[in-house]
């Protein structure tokens, strides 16, 4: 089968949707499909896997049209809703099966989080147009557990493909980056951006309390680190037990995870976070991390049964208490073992790619 994967993103960047997009490309290629990626850029290893590539740097539609004409796909697969109208029109024009991978509902995210990214009315109009265009798809794969039932009300053939990680890349064993300065301190790591919906304010509030105890904290990431945020939390940021590290290459991220005693996912409850599923959760799980995550539905779905992490109230006090609970070595060993087992069983990207491939075989007939 020949699968053309289209994205408005840059697959060489290590953030959530981009990571999932490139894992899909790799997984389908390894599953035996011929894969062509149409996006802004790709990681170097795509060439070694034999994945064809057309860059959208000179325009989305020209790159998509050229790729279709040369690659001759059986299925066109859009990653997220972005430009779904263009993707759907191209599939109809060239007689290809059509699929999309849905990561969230853009309209909800724009209403709740959308300031600062351009005209909100225009973005709402575009998102609505794209979501409606996806109704023409033969298959919709869904990345988030709580989004499945919503998607089933909107689209006709919904296949849950929740969470995806490379369990050979994220492993409990291997080299580790030394975090912090005091080897006797419990090292707590947060990896991600500084946006409010990621729970950065809950995290810093918890750090404000715990920094007087036997903990050191590392925040790994750069995006969203605004002067306003730094000013608000400067009394915490100036403490020598808090370390800020800019984003690093995705290839060495597992070494940071292995260097941590505890990893944290402090997202607040919002409709946007309810309909989302953090990439870091499955990567933490594959690493065999002791995970502290706020008790919102997507986190509970991944970590609740069997207990593969510490769930806490989505408040500053809840995150504080969750980190304290995770310091119990017996509990930590139990949940970290479960986390790795669940990642291998549920989220390995090669297994998830097979689910997608099987769905495409049916729709392409």
Protein backbone atom coordinates (compact mmCIF):
# COMPACT_ATOMS: atom_id res chain seq x y z
CA UNK A 1 0.00 0.00 0.00
CA UNK A 2 1.18 3.52 -0.81
CA UNK A 3 0.35 6.12 1.86
CA UNK A 4 0.91 9.85 1.47
CA UNK A 5 1.05 11.63 4.81
CA UNK A 6 0.34 15.36 4.78
CA UNK A 7 0.99 17.82 7.62
CA UNK A 8 1.23 21.56 7.99
CA UNK A 9 3.91 20.99 10.64
CA UNK A 10 7.66 20.38 10.76
CA UNK A 11 8.41 16.72 11.52
CA UNK A 12 12.00 17.54 12.45
CA UNK A 13 10.74 19.32 15.60
CA UNK A 14 10.24 17.38 18.83
CA UNK A 15 6.80 18.45 20.07
CA UNK A 16 3.57 16.48 20.46
CA UNK A 17 1.77 16.47 17.09
CA UNK A 18 5.03 16.49 15.14
CA UNK A 19 6.37 13.53 17.12
CA UNK A 20 3.17 11.55 16.53
CA UNK A 21 3.25 12.42 12.84
CA UNK A 22 6.75 11.13 12.32
CA UNK A 23 6.10 8.01 14.42
CA UNK A 24 3.16 7.29 12.12
CA UNK A 25 5.40 7.71 9.06
CA UNK A 26 8.08 5.44 10.50
CA UNK A 27 5.63 2.86 11.83
CA UNK A 28 3.73 2.51 8.55
CA UNK A 29 6.97 2.23 6.57
CA UNK A 30 8.25 -0.48 8.90
CA UNK A 31 4.83 -2.17 8.68
CA UNK A 32 5.49 -2.65 4.97
CA UNK A 33 3.72 0.33 3.39
CA UNK A 34 5.43 2.74 1.03
CA UNK A 35 5.27 6.16 2.70
CA UNK A 36 5.62 9.68 1.37
CA UNK A 37 5.74 12.64 3.81
CA UNK A 38 4.52 16.06 2.69
CA UNK A 39 5.42 18.55 5.42
CA UNK A 40 7.81 21.41 6.16
CA UNK A 41 10.84 19.30 7.07
CA UNK A 42 11.76 15.78 8.19
CA UNK A 43 14.37 14.19 10.47
CA UNK A 44 17.46 12.83 8.72
CA UNK A 45 16.65 9.19 9.46
CA UNK A 46 13.57 9.26 7.19
CA UNK A 47 15.86 9.00 4.17
CA UNK A 48 17.50 5.87 5.56
CA UNK A 49 14.07 4.31 6.01
CA UNK A 50 13.20 5.02 2.38
CA UNK A 51 10.43 7.51 3.15
CA UNK A 52 9.90 9.93 0.25
CA UNK A 53 9.64 13.62 1.09
CA UNK A 54 8.15 16.75 -0.45
CA UNK A 55 8.66 20.01 1.41
CA UNK A 56 5.82 22.50 1.88
CA UNK A 57 8.28 25.40 2.09
CA UNK A 58 7.17 26.60 -1.34
CA UNK A 59 3.46 26.14 -0.62
CA UNK A 60 1.14 23.49 0.76
CA UNK A 61 -0.99 22.83 -2.30
CA UNK A 62 1.86 22.71 -4.86
CA UNK A 63 3.81 20.28 -2.69
CA UNK A 64 0.73 18.08 -2.16
CA UNK A 65 -0.16 18.03 -5.87
CA UNK A 66 3.40 17.21 -6.96
CA UNK A 67 3.68 14.43 -4.39
CA UNK A 68 0.38 12.86 -5.46
CA UNK A 69 1.30 12.96 -9.14
CA UNK A 70 4.72 11.40 -8.58
CA UNK A 71 4.05 9.06 -5.66
CA UNK A 72 0.57 7.90 -6.76
CA UNK A 73 -0.80 7.05 -3.30
CA UNK A 74 -3.61 4.67 -2.45
CA UNK A 75 -4.44 6.70 0.70
CA UNK A 76 -3.91 10.36 1.59
CA UNK A 77 -3.60 10.76 5.36
CA UNK A 78 -3.83 14.23 6.92
CA UNK A 79 -2.16 14.69 10.30
CA UNK A 80 -4.51 16.92 12.34
CA UNK A 81 -7.31 18.99 10.83
CA UNK A 82 -4.93 21.55 9.29
CA UNK A 83 -5.91 22.38 5.69
CA UNK A 84 -8.27 19.39 5.59
CA UNK A 85 -10.26 21.08 2.80
CA UNK A 86 -7.20 21.05 0.51
CA UNK A 87 -6.38 17.45 1.43
CA UNK A 88 -9.97 16.30 0.86
CA UNK A 89 -10.19 18.07 -2.50
CA UNK A 90 -6.92 16.48 -3.65
CA UNK A 91 -8.09 13.00 -2.61
CA UNK A 92 -11.32 13.47 -4.58
CA UNK A 93 -9.48 14.86 -7.63
CA UNK A 94 -7.04 11.95 -7.85
CA UNK A 95 -9.39 9.20 -6.68
CA UNK A 96 -7.52 8.29 -3.49
CA UNK A 97 -8.91 7.01 -0.21
CA UNK A 98 -8.91 9.74 2.44
CA UNK A 99 -8.01 9.62 6.14
CA UNK A 100 -7.17 12.02 8.94
CA UNK A 101 -5.53 11.71 12.34
CA UNK A 102 -7.48 13.88 14.80
CA UNK A 103 -5.57 15.24 17.81
CA UNK A 104 -8.10 17.73 19.19
CA UNK A 105 -10.96 20.04 18.27
CA UNK A 106 -9.46 23.25 16.98
CA UNK A 107 -12.59 25.32 17.59
CA UNK A 108 -12.48 24.43 21.31
CA UNK A 109 -8.77 25.23 21.56
CA UNK A 110 -9.15 28.56 19.79
CA UNK A 111 -12.06 29.63 22.02
CA UNK A 112 -10.29 28.58 25.19
CA UNK A 113 -6.63 29.25 24.41
CA UNK A 114 -6.66 31.19 21.16
CA UNK A 115 -5.44 34.66 22.04
CA UNK A 116 -2.07 35.73 20.70
CA UNK A 117 -2.06 33.60 17.54
CA UNK A 118 -3.68 35.91 15.01
CA UNK A 119 -7.28 36.78 14.26
CA UNK A 120 -9.53 34.55 16.36
CA UNK A 121 -12.63 34.87 14.10
CA UNK A 122 -10.57 33.91 11.04
CA UNK A 123 -9.03 30.95 12.83
CA UNK A 124 -12.44 29.78 14.07
CA UNK A 125 -13.79 29.96 10.52
CA UNK A 126 -10.83 27.97 9.17
CA UNK A 127 -11.05 25.34 11.89
CA UNK A 128 -14.78 24.87 11.32
CA UNK A 129 -14.20 24.55 7.56
CA UNK A 130 -11.46 21.96 8.10
CA UNK A 131 -13.46 19.91 10.59
CA UNK A 132 -16.42 19.81 8.18
CA UNK A 133 -14.13 18.79 5.31
CA UNK A 134 -13.03 15.80 7.36
CA UNK A 135 -16.56 14.39 7.07
CA UNK A 136 -15.53 13.21 3.59
CA UNK A 137 -12.89 10.90 5.05
CA UNK A 138 -13.04 7.13 4.76
CA UNK A 139 -11.25 6.74 8.11
CA UNK A 140 -10.62 9.05 11.07
CA UNK A 141 -7.97 7.87 13.53
CA UNK A 142 -8.17 9.53 16.95
CA UNK A 143 -5.18 10.23 19.16
CA UNK A 144 -6.90 10.97 22.48
CA UNK A 145 -9.12 8.72 24.62
CA UNK A 146 -11.69 11.33 25.59
CA UNK A 147 -11.92 12.59 22.01
CA UNK A 148 -13.13 9.26 20.61
CA UNK A 149 -16.79 9.62 21.61
CA UNK A 150 -16.84 13.22 20.32
CA UNK A 151 -15.36 12.16 16.99
CA UNK A 152 -17.87 9.31 16.68
CA UNK A 153 -20.69 11.86 16.74
CA UNK A 154 -19.02 13.86 13.96
CA UNK A 155 -17.58 11.21 11.63
CA UNK A 156 -18.60 7.82 10.26
CA UNK A 157 -15.56 5.55 10.61
CA UNK A 158 -13.56 6.38 13.74
CA UNK A 159 -10.62 4.18 14.77
CA UNK A 160 -9.04 4.86 18.20
CA UNK A 161 -5.24 4.93 17.94
CA UNK A 162 -4.58 6.48 21.33
CA UNK A 163 -1.02 7.34 22.28
CA UNK A 164 2.12 6.40 20.41
CA UNK A 165 5.76 6.13 21.50
CA UNK A 166 8.94 4.44 20.37
CA UNK A 167 9.56 1.93 23.16
CA UNK A 168 13.01 1.15 21.77
CA UNK A 169 14.02 4.82 22.01
CA UNK A 170 12.43 5.55 25.39
CA UNK A 171 13.65 2.80 27.71
CA UNK A 172 14.50 2.49 31.42
CA UNK A 173 18.04 1.37 30.55
CA UNK A 174 20.81 3.40 28.98
CA UNK A 175 22.86 6.54 29.60
CA UNK A 176 21.31 9.20 31.85
CA UNK A 177 21.90 12.91 32.19
CA UNK A 178 22.80 13.94 35.72
CA UNK A 179 20.13 16.36 36.89
CA UNK A 180 20.56 18.89 39.68
CA UNK A 181 23.58 19.48 41.85
CA UNK A 182 22.96 17.47 45.03
CA UNK A 183 23.11 13.71 44.53
CA UNK A 184 21.14 13.22 47.76
CA UNK A 185 18.17 15.26 46.53
CA UNK A 186 15.14 13.73 44.81
CA UNK A 187 15.32 14.93 41.19
CA UNK A 188 11.99 16.03 39.73
CA UNK A 189 11.70 16.70 35.98
CA UNK A 190 9.08 18.52 33.94
CA UNK A 191 9.58 18.36 30.15
CA UNK A 192 7.43 20.59 27.98
CA UNK A 193 6.45 24.15 27.25
CA UNK A 194 5.57 27.02 29.57
CA UNK A 195 1.99 27.60 28.45
CA UNK A 196 -0.74 27.93 31.08
CA UNK A 197 -2.70 24.93 29.82
CA UNK A 198 0.32 22.70 30.40
CA UNK A 199 0.01 23.53 34.10
CA UNK A 200 3.22 25.49 34.46
CA UNK A 201 1.70 27.73 37.15
CA UNK A 202 0.56 24.70 39.17
CA UNK A 203 4.08 23.30 38.88
CA UNK A 204 5.80 26.50 39.99
CA UNK A 205 3.39 26.82 42.92
CA UNK A 206 4.27 23.28 43.99
CA UNK A 207 7.99 24.02 43.58
CA UNK A 208 7.56 27.10 45.77
CA UNK A 209 6.58 24.76 48.64
CA UNK A 210 8.76 21.73 47.93
CA UNK A 211 11.96 23.60 47.24
CA UNK A 212 12.43 23.84 51.01
CA UNK A 213 12.41 20.04 51.23
CA UNK A 214 14.75 17.38 49.80
CA UNK A 215 13.93 18.01 46.15
CA UNK A 216 15.60 19.59 43.16
CA UNK A 217 13.65 20.53 40.05
CA UNK A 218 14.51 20.68 36.36
CA UNK A 219 12.31 22.24 33.69
CA UNK A 220 13.32 21.06 30.21
CA UNK A 221 11.95 23.20 27.36
CA UNK A 222 11.94 26.67 25.86
CA UNK A 223 8.62 27.39 24.17
CA UNK A 224 6.37 29.89 25.95
CA UNK A 225 9.04 31.14 28.36
CA UNK A 226 7.85 34.74 28.30
CA UNK A 227 9.35 37.69 30.24
CA UNK A 228 5.98 38.10 31.99
CA UNK A 229 6.02 34.51 33.25
CA UNK A 230 9.63 34.79 34.38
CA UNK A 231 8.85 38.01 36.24
CA UNK A 232 5.83 36.47 37.98
CA UNK A 233 7.86 33.52 39.28
CA UNK A 234 11.26 35.17 39.71
CA UNK A 235 11.22 34.48 43.49
CA UNK A 236 11.07 30.76 42.64
CA UNK A 237 13.28 30.84 39.53
CA UNK A 238 16.15 32.44 41.44
CA UNK A 239 16.40 29.45 43.78
CA UNK A 240 19.50 27.31 43.21
CA UNK A 241 17.41 24.13 43.47
CA UNK A 242 15.48 24.94 40.30
CA UNK A 243 17.24 24.46 36.96
CA UNK A 244 15.92 25.66 33.60
CA UNK A 245 17.28 23.86 30.53
CA UNK A 246 16.43 24.92 26.99
CA UNK A 247 14.93 22.40 24.58
CA UNK A 248 17.32 19.65 23.48
CA UNK A 249 17.37 17.34 20.47
CA UNK A 250 14.65 14.71 20.70
CA UNK A 251 17.27 12.03 20.27
CA UNK A 252 18.74 12.67 23.71
CA UNK A 253 15.50 13.41 25.59
CA UNK A 254 15.36 9.82 26.99
CA UNK A 255 18.64 10.47 28.80
CA UNK A 256 17.00 13.31 30.72
CA UNK A 257 14.02 11.13 31.61
CA UNK A 258 16.34 8.43 32.94
CA UNK A 259 18.13 11.04 35.04
CA UNK A 260 14.96 11.92 36.94
CA UNK A 261 13.56 10.24 40.05
CA UNK A 262 10.10 11.70 39.35
CA UNK A 263 8.52 13.12 36.18
CA UNK A 264 5.52 15.46 36.24
CA UNK A 265 2.48 16.17 34.02
CA UNK A 266 0.74 19.07 35.84
CA UNK A 267 -2.01 20.01 33.35
CA UNK A 268 -5.07 21.84 34.66
CA UNK A 269 -8.60 20.76 33.77
CA UNK A 270 -9.79 22.69 30.72
CA UNK A 271 -11.88 21.47 27.80
CA UNK A 272 -8.73 21.63 25.70
CA UNK A 273 -6.80 19.39 28.08
CA UNK A 274 -9.81 17.09 28.50
CA UNK A 275 -9.77 16.46 24.74
CA UNK A 276 -5.98 16.09 24.54
CA UNK A 277 -3.44 13.42 25.40
CA UNK A 278 0.12 14.53 26.22
CA UNK A 279 2.91 12.92 24.24
CA UNK A 280 5.08 13.16 27.34
CA UNK A 281 2.84 10.71 29.24
CA UNK A 282 3.54 7.79 26.91
CA UNK A 283 7.21 8.75 26.56
CA UNK A 284 7.53 8.92 30.36
CA UNK A 285 5.76 5.55 30.62
CA UNK A 286 8.07 3.90 28.09
CA UNK A 287 11.03 5.24 30.08
CA UNK A 288 9.77 3.49 33.20
CA UNK A 289 9.47 6.82 34.99
CA UNK A 290 7.72 7.45 38.28
CA UNK A 291 5.01 9.75 36.94
CA UNK A 292 2.98 12.31 38.84
CA UNK A 293 0.03 13.52 36.74
CA UNK A 294 -3.03 15.56 37.53
CA UNK A 295 -6.20 13.50 37.79
CA UNK A 296 -7.98 14.54 34.62
CA UNK A 297 -9.67 12.00 32.36
CA UNK A 298 -6.95 11.40 29.71
CA UNK A 299 -4.26 10.98 32.38
CA UNK A 300 -6.51 8.68 34.39
CA UNK A 301 -7.17 6.58 31.28
CA UNK A 302 -3.43 5.97 30.79
CA UNK A 303 -2.24 5.70 34.39
CA UNK A 304 -5.24 4.56 36.43
CA UNK A 305 -5.61 0.80 35.95
CA UNK A 306 -3.23 -0.85 36.55
CA UNK A 307 -1.69 1.95 38.56
CA UNK A 308 1.10 3.24 36.34
CA UNK A 309 1.58 6.62 37.99
CA UNK A 310 0.51 8.87 40.85
CA UNK A 311 -2.70 10.76 40.08
CA UNK A 312 -3.27 13.96 42.04
CA UNK A 313 -5.83 16.76 42.19
CA UNK A 314 -5.33 19.33 39.41
CA UNK A 315 -4.34 22.04 41.89
CA UNK A 316 -1.05 23.35 43.23
CA UNK A 317 -1.66 21.51 46.53
CA UNK A 318 -2.52 18.35 44.60
CA UNK A 319 0.71 18.47 42.57
CA UNK A 320 2.68 19.12 45.76
CA UNK A 321 1.14 16.12 47.52
CA UNK A 322 1.54 13.94 44.41
CA UNK A 323 5.28 14.60 44.29
CA UNK A 324 5.56 13.77 47.98
CA UNK A 325 3.67 10.50 47.43
CA UNK A 326 5.95 9.59 44.52
CA UNK A 327 8.94 9.80 46.86
CA UNK A 328 7.88 6.49 48.41
CA UNK A 329 10.37 4.03 46.87
CA UNK A 330 8.11 1.00 47.07
CA UNK A 331 5.23 2.78 45.37
CA UNK A 332 7.60 4.30 42.82
CA UNK A 333 9.04 0.94 41.83
CA UNK A 334 5.56 -0.54 41.41
CA UNK A 335 4.11 2.23 39.24
CA UNK A 336 7.24 2.61 37.10
CA UNK A 337 7.23 -1.11 36.28
CA UNK A 338 3.54 -0.95 35.37
CA UNK A 339 4.18 2.16 33.27
CA UNK A 340 6.80 0.42 31.13
CA UNK A 341 4.64 -2.69 30.72
CA UNK A 342 1.60 -0.63 29.68
CA UNK A 343 3.68 1.39 27.20
CA UNK A 344 4.94 -1.77 25.52
CA UNK A 345 1.46 -3.30 25.42
CA UNK A 346 -0.67 -0.30 24.43
CA UNK A 347 1.45 2.47 22.94
CA UNK A 348 4.35 1.02 20.94
CA UNK A 349 4.32 2.89 17.63
CA UNK A 350 4.81 -0.23 15.52
CA UNK A 351 1.73 -1.86 17.03
CA UNK A 352 -0.24 1.34 16.63
CA UNK A 353 0.86 1.64 13.01
CA UNK A 354 -0.60 -1.82 12.37
CA UNK A 355 -4.00 -0.60 13.60
CA UNK A 356 -3.80 2.24 11.10
CA UNK A 357 -2.59 -0.02 8.29
CA UNK A 358 -5.41 -2.50 8.89
CA UNK A 359 -7.98 0.30 8.76
CA UNK A 360 -6.49 1.61 5.49
CA UNK A 361 -6.56 -1.84 3.86
CA UNK A 362 -10.31 -1.91 4.37
CA UNK A 363 -10.97 1.63 3.15
CA UNK A 364 -8.69 1.40 0.10
CA UNK A 365 -10.45 -1.67 -1.32
